[in-house]
């Protein structure tokens, strides 16, 4: 398996929660907003548990297009249970589009970095944390940075 795919799967194994609720979403979301302000990042941040949006914020430089990217990334992660960056890299390694490999429309499912599954240890995927507004690898890194920061404090 490609090294980057292995690394991305390892992140999913390491960045798991024992508990995730509204307060968790608020704490991570606020930290991500502060991080975006400090680094002058034009990003939209979205945190969902199941079908419920628990946190959503948009920084200057974003638009309604970022909200659409969020929806498409979330739909992908909810369907496959892996980060959107992992799925994009998987498709790249196979040399196929999402349409070719999974018969899914890219207008509905975005295999681009920035959406990470919220995984409860022993339970599985219960939601998503998404960033949109930067190049896809950077969107992914911002989410992972936020998760690492939050989980290191617990």
Protein backbone atom coordinates (compact mmCIF):
# COMPACT_ATOMS: atom_id res chain seq x y z
CA UNK A 1 0.00 0.00 0.00
CA UNK A 2 1.13 3.53 -0.74
CA UNK A 3 2.97 5.18 2.21
CA UNK A 4 0.62 8.16 2.32
CA UNK A 5 -2.41 5.85 2.46
CA UNK A 6 -0.83 3.96 5.37
CA UNK A 7 -0.12 7.24 7.18
CA UNK A 8 -3.69 8.46 6.66
CA UNK A 9 -5.16 5.21 8.01
CA UNK A 10 -2.81 5.44 11.01
CA UNK A 11 -4.15 8.95 11.73
CA UNK A 12 -7.68 7.54 11.79
CA UNK A 13 -6.59 4.83 14.26
CA UNK A 14 -4.81 7.32 16.52
CA UNK A 15 -7.25 10.24 16.47
CA UNK A 16 -10.21 8.63 18.21
CA UNK A 17 -12.43 9.76 21.06
CA UNK A 18 -13.79 8.01 24.13
CA UNK A 19 -16.61 10.59 24.29
CA UNK A 20 -17.91 13.13 21.79
CA UNK A 21 -20.74 15.55 22.55
CA UNK A 22 -21.84 19.15 21.98
CA UNK A 23 -19.21 20.48 24.38
CA UNK A 24 -16.48 18.55 22.56
CA UNK A 25 -17.62 20.00 19.24
CA UNK A 26 -17.67 23.51 20.70
CA UNK A 27 -14.17 23.20 22.19
CA UNK A 28 -12.63 21.84 18.98
CA UNK A 29 -14.54 24.30 16.82
CA UNK A 30 -13.49 27.30 18.90
CA UNK A 31 -9.88 26.13 18.89
CA UNK A 32 -10.00 25.82 15.09
CA UNK A 33 -11.49 29.33 14.78
CA UNK A 34 -8.71 30.75 17.00
CA UNK A 35 -6.12 28.85 14.92
CA UNK A 36 -7.63 30.27 11.72
CA UNK A 37 -7.56 33.81 13.14
CA UNK A 38 -3.93 33.47 14.32
CA UNK A 39 -2.83 32.12 10.94
CA UNK A 40 -5.15 34.35 8.85
CA UNK A 41 -6.76 31.31 7.22
CA UNK A 42 -9.84 31.83 5.00
CA UNK A 43 -11.66 28.67 6.06
CA UNK A 44 -15.09 27.33 6.87
CA UNK A 45 -15.24 24.94 9.84
CA UNK A 46 -18.05 22.42 10.27
CA UNK A 47 -18.60 19.76 12.93
CA UNK A 48 -21.47 17.28 12.76
CA UNK A 49 -22.65 14.34 14.82
CA UNK A 50 -24.88 12.18 12.68
CA UNK A 51 -27.28 14.50 10.87
CA UNK A 52 -26.93 17.29 13.45
CA UNK A 53 -24.63 20.23 12.80
CA UNK A 54 -23.01 21.04 16.15
CA UNK A 55 -20.61 23.78 15.04
CA UNK A 56 -20.22 25.93 11.94
CA UNK A 57 -18.10 29.02 11.38
CA UNK A 58 -16.80 30.84 8.33
CA UNK A 59 -13.83 33.18 8.25
CA UNK A 60 -13.33 36.16 5.93
CA UNK A 61 -12.38 35.02 2.45
CA UNK A 62 -14.86 32.13 2.33
CA UNK A 63 -18.16 31.94 0.47
CA UNK A 64 -21.23 29.76 0.08
CA UNK A 65 -19.08 27.60 -2.21
CA UNK A 66 -17.16 26.44 0.86
CA UNK A 67 -20.43 25.31 2.45
CA UNK A 68 -21.13 23.22 -0.65
CA UNK A 69 -17.64 21.70 -0.48
CA UNK A 70 -18.30 20.84 3.17
CA UNK A 71 -21.55 19.05 2.27
CA UNK A 72 -19.86 17.01 -0.48
CA UNK A 73 -16.89 16.05 1.74
CA UNK A 74 -19.18 15.11 4.65
CA UNK A 75 -21.34 12.97 2.37
CA UNK A 76 -18.20 11.07 1.24
CA UNK A 77 -16.87 10.47 4.77
CA UNK A 78 -20.29 9.36 6.01
CA UNK A 79 -20.53 6.88 3.15
CA UNK A 80 -17.05 5.36 3.43
CA UNK A 81 -15.98 6.00 7.05
CA UNK A 82 -12.56 7.34 6.06
CA UNK A 83 -11.15 10.84 5.72
CA UNK A 84 -11.91 12.62 2.46
CA UNK A 85 -8.16 13.05 1.91
CA UNK A 86 -7.61 9.29 2.27
CA UNK A 87 -10.33 8.57 -0.29
CA UNK A 88 -8.91 11.13 -2.72
CA UNK A 89 -5.44 9.65 -2.37
CA UNK A 90 -6.84 6.13 -2.81
CA UNK A 91 -8.50 7.17 -6.08
CA UNK A 92 -5.28 8.87 -7.18
CA UNK A 93 -3.25 5.71 -6.43
CA UNK A 94 -5.71 3.66 -8.50
CA UNK A 95 -5.70 6.22 -11.31
CA UNK A 96 -9.50 6.38 -11.24
CA UNK A 97 -12.19 8.95 -10.68
CA UNK A 98 -14.87 8.48 -8.04
CA UNK A 99 -17.31 7.84 -10.88
CA UNK A 100 -15.12 5.05 -12.30
CA UNK A 101 -14.33 3.37 -8.99
CA UNK A 102 -17.57 3.75 -7.04
CA UNK A 103 -20.18 4.92 -9.59
CA UNK A 104 -20.66 8.13 -7.58
CA UNK A 105 -20.93 11.66 -8.94
CA UNK A 106 -18.23 14.12 -7.91
CA UNK A 107 -20.92 16.79 -7.86
CA UNK A 108 -22.35 14.94 -4.82
CA UNK A 109 -19.20 13.40 -3.26
CA UNK A 110 -15.92 15.33 -2.98
CA UNK A 111 -12.83 13.12 -2.61
CA UNK A 112 -10.72 16.09 -1.54
CA UNK A 113 -8.97 16.63 1.78
CA UNK A 114 -10.54 18.43 4.70
CA UNK A 115 -13.15 16.12 6.23
CA UNK A 116 -12.16 13.71 8.99
CA UNK A 117 -14.38 11.10 10.64
CA UNK A 118 -15.20 11.51 14.32
CA UNK A 119 -14.50 8.02 15.60
CA UNK A 120 -15.50 6.76 19.05
CA UNK A 121 -13.25 3.95 20.29
CA UNK A 122 -15.16 0.69 20.22
CA UNK A 123 -18.13 2.27 18.43
CA UNK A 124 -17.00 3.67 15.08
CA UNK A 125 -17.76 6.77 13.07
CA UNK A 126 -20.37 9.07 14.64
CA UNK A 127 -19.74 12.32 12.79
CA UNK A 128 -17.35 14.56 10.88
CA UNK A 129 -15.04 17.53 11.33
CA UNK A 130 -14.53 19.49 8.12
CA UNK A 131 -12.43 22.43 6.96
CA UNK A 132 -12.80 24.03 3.53
CA UNK A 133 -10.99 26.97 1.97
CA UNK A 134 -7.36 25.95 1.53
CA UNK A 135 -5.61 23.51 -0.81
CA UNK A 136 -6.94 20.06 0.11
CA UNK A 137 -3.80 18.82 1.88
CA UNK A 138 -3.79 21.97 4.02
CA UNK A 139 -7.50 21.60 4.84
CA UNK A 140 -6.70 18.06 6.05
CA UNK A 141 -3.69 19.24 8.09
CA UNK A 142 -5.75 21.92 9.86
CA UNK A 143 -8.35 19.34 10.96
CA UNK A 144 -5.68 16.87 12.09
CA UNK A 145 -3.84 19.63 13.99
CA UNK A 146 -7.06 20.51 15.83
CA UNK A 147 -7.78 16.89 16.68
CA UNK A 148 -4.24 16.26 17.91
CA UNK A 149 -4.37 19.38 20.08
CA UNK A 150 -7.73 18.46 21.62
CA UNK A 151 -6.91 14.78 22.21
CA UNK A 152 -3.48 15.61 23.72
CA UNK A 153 -5.24 17.69 26.39
CA UNK A 154 -7.57 14.85 27.39
